[in-house]
């Protein structure tokens, strides 16, 4: 049995990352699209005084992010 070189081990480790890395990139891209649609709805919800905890419960968006989105929109 031959021992693998460090370069071969690195190549295998890198190859192991590819499928999950591609899946993660795809999910992050989808999340960006969802966030683009969600952002104005969050701004409206905060303006209408929906509690930050309720927004978090409904969207899993952190209260700090909801505040930041509202603040950036309000200017």
C-alpha atoms as a PDB file:
ATOM      1  CA  UNK A   1       0.000   0.000   0.000  1.00  0.00           C
ATOM      2  CA  UNK A   2       1.369   3.387  -0.962  1.00  0.00           C
ATOM      3  CA  UNK A   3       1.164   6.352   1.294  1.00  0.00           C
ATOM      4  CA  UNK A   4      -0.525   9.470  -0.065  1.00  0.00           C
ATOM      5  CA  UNK A   5       1.475  12.640  -0.418  1.00  0.00           C
ATOM      6  CA  UNK A   6       0.438  15.832   1.336  1.00  0.00           C
ATOM      7  CA  UNK A   7      -0.561  17.255  -2.049  1.00  0.00           C
ATOM      8  CA  UNK A   8      -2.844  14.280  -2.693  1.00  0.00           C
ATOM      9  CA  UNK A   9      -4.403  14.586   0.751  1.00  0.00           C
ATOM     10  CA  UNK A  10      -4.977  18.320   0.194  1.00  0.00           C
ATOM     11  CA  UNK A  11      -6.544  17.632  -3.205  1.00  0.00           C
ATOM     12  CA  UNK A  12      -8.905  15.067  -1.663  1.00  0.00           C
ATOM     13  CA  UNK A  13      -9.831  17.462   1.143  1.00  0.00           C
ATOM     14  CA  UNK A  14     -10.521  20.194  -1.404  1.00  0.00           C
ATOM     15  CA  UNK A  15     -12.620  17.872  -3.565  1.00  0.00           C
ATOM     16  CA  UNK A  16     -14.690  16.958  -0.495  1.00  0.00           C
ATOM     17  CA  UNK A  17     -15.634  20.641  -0.120  1.00  0.00           C
ATOM     18  CA  UNK A  18     -16.967  21.071  -3.662  1.00  0.00           C
ATOM     19  CA  UNK A  19     -20.474  19.539  -3.441  1.00  0.00           C
ATOM     20  CA  UNK A  20     -21.416  21.162  -0.155  1.00  0.00           C
ATOM     21  CA  UNK A  21     -19.737  24.402  -1.167  1.00  0.00           C
ATOM     22  CA  UNK A  22     -21.824  24.561  -4.348  1.00  0.00           C
ATOM     23  CA  UNK A  23     -24.981  23.838  -2.362  1.00  0.00           C
ATOM     24  CA  UNK A  24     -24.116  26.544   0.170  1.00  0.00           C
ATOM     25  CA  UNK A  25     -23.450  29.114  -2.563  1.00  0.00           C
ATOM     26  CA  UNK A  26     -26.790  28.282  -4.176  1.00  0.00           C
ATOM     27  CA  UNK A  27     -28.598  28.699  -0.846  1.00  0.00           C
ATOM     28  CA  UNK A  28     -26.841  31.999  -0.087  1.00  0.00           C
ATOM     29  CA  UNK A  29     -27.840  33.334  -3.504  1.00  0.00           C
ATOM     30  CA  UNK A  30     -31.448  32.312  -2.846  1.00  0.00           C
ATOM     31  CA  UNK A  31     -31.294  33.988   0.576  1.00  0.00           C
ATOM     32  CA  UNK A  32     -30.074  37.231  -1.009  1.00  0.00           C
ATOM     33  CA  UNK A  33     -33.056  37.179  -3.362  1.00  0.00           C
ATOM     34  CA  UNK A  34     -35.455  36.515  -0.487  1.00  0.00           C
ATOM     35  CA  UNK A  35     -33.884  39.270   1.612  1.00  0.00           C
ATOM     36  CA  UNK A  36     -34.326  41.740  -1.256  1.00  0.00           C
ATOM     37  CA  UNK A  37     -38.061  41.002  -1.230  1.00  0.00           C
ATOM     38  CA  UNK A  38     -38.272  40.820   2.551  1.00  0.00           C
ATOM     39  CA  UNK A  39     -36.466  44.064   3.325  1.00  0.00           C
ATOM     40  CA  UNK A  40     -39.266  46.484   2.328  1.00  0.00           C
ATOM     41  CA  UNK A  41     -41.803  44.291   4.126  1.00  0.00           C
ATOM     42  CA  UNK A  42     -39.691  44.445   7.284  1.00  0.00           C
ATOM     43  CA  UNK A  43     -39.488  48.216   6.977  1.00  0.00           C
ATOM     44  CA  UNK A  44     -43.276  48.382   6.707  1.00  0.00           C
ATOM     45  CA  UNK A  45     -43.760  46.005   9.633  1.00  0.00           C
ATOM     46  CA  UNK A  46     -41.448  48.045  11.879  1.00  0.00           C
ATOM     47  CA  UNK A  47     -43.181  51.262  10.781  1.00  0.00           C
ATOM     48  CA  UNK A  48     -46.522  49.661  11.672  1.00  0.00           C
ATOM     49  CA  UNK A  49     -45.049  48.819  15.093  1.00  0.00           C
ATOM     50  CA  UNK A  50     -44.947  45.056  14.720  1.00  0.00           C
ATOM     51  CA  UNK A  51     -42.741  44.006  17.665  1.00  0.00           C
ATOM     52  CA  UNK A  52     -39.192  43.000  16.770  1.00  0.00           C
ATOM     53  CA  UNK A  53     -39.689  39.690  18.599  1.00  0.00           C
ATOM     54  CA  UNK A  54     -42.710  38.926  16.426  1.00  0.00           C
ATOM     55  CA  UNK A  55     -40.752  39.765  13.279  1.00  0.00           C
ATOM     56  CA  UNK A  56     -38.035  37.413  14.483  1.00  0.00           C
ATOM     57  CA  UNK A  57     -40.566  34.663  15.189  1.00  0.00           C
ATOM     58  CA  UNK A  58     -42.063  34.989  11.713  1.00  0.00           C
ATOM     59  CA  UNK A  59     -38.848  35.384   9.712  1.00  0.00           C
ATOM     60  CA  UNK A  60     -35.922  34.263  11.872  1.00  0.00           C
ATOM     61  CA  UNK A  61     -34.417  37.661  11.128  1.00  0.00           C
ATOM     62  CA  UNK A  62     -32.582  39.078  14.119  1.00  0.00           C
ATOM     63  CA  UNK A  63     -34.084  42.141  15.787  1.00  0.00           C
ATOM     64  CA  UNK A  64     -30.819  44.004  15.178  1.00  0.00           C
ATOM     65  CA  UNK A  65     -31.052  43.337  11.445  1.00  0.00           C
ATOM     66  CA  UNK A  66     -34.689  44.444  11.346  1.00  0.00           C
ATOM     67  CA  UNK A  67     -33.738  47.651  13.177  1.00  0.00           C
ATOM     68  CA  UNK A  68     -30.813  48.266  10.834  1.00  0.00           C
ATOM     69  CA  UNK A  69     -32.945  47.726   7.726  1.00  0.00           C
ATOM     70  CA  UNK A  70     -35.606  50.087   9.068  1.00  0.00           C
ATOM     71  CA  UNK A  71     -33.037  52.692  10.066  1.00  0.00           C
ATOM     72  CA  UNK A  72     -31.248  52.551   6.687  1.00  0.00           C
ATOM     73  CA  UNK A  73     -34.560  53.012   4.894  1.00  0.00           C
ATOM     74  CA  UNK A  74     -35.620  55.880   7.146  1.00  0.00           C
ATOM     75  CA  UNK A  75     -32.303  57.571   6.423  1.00  0.00           C
END
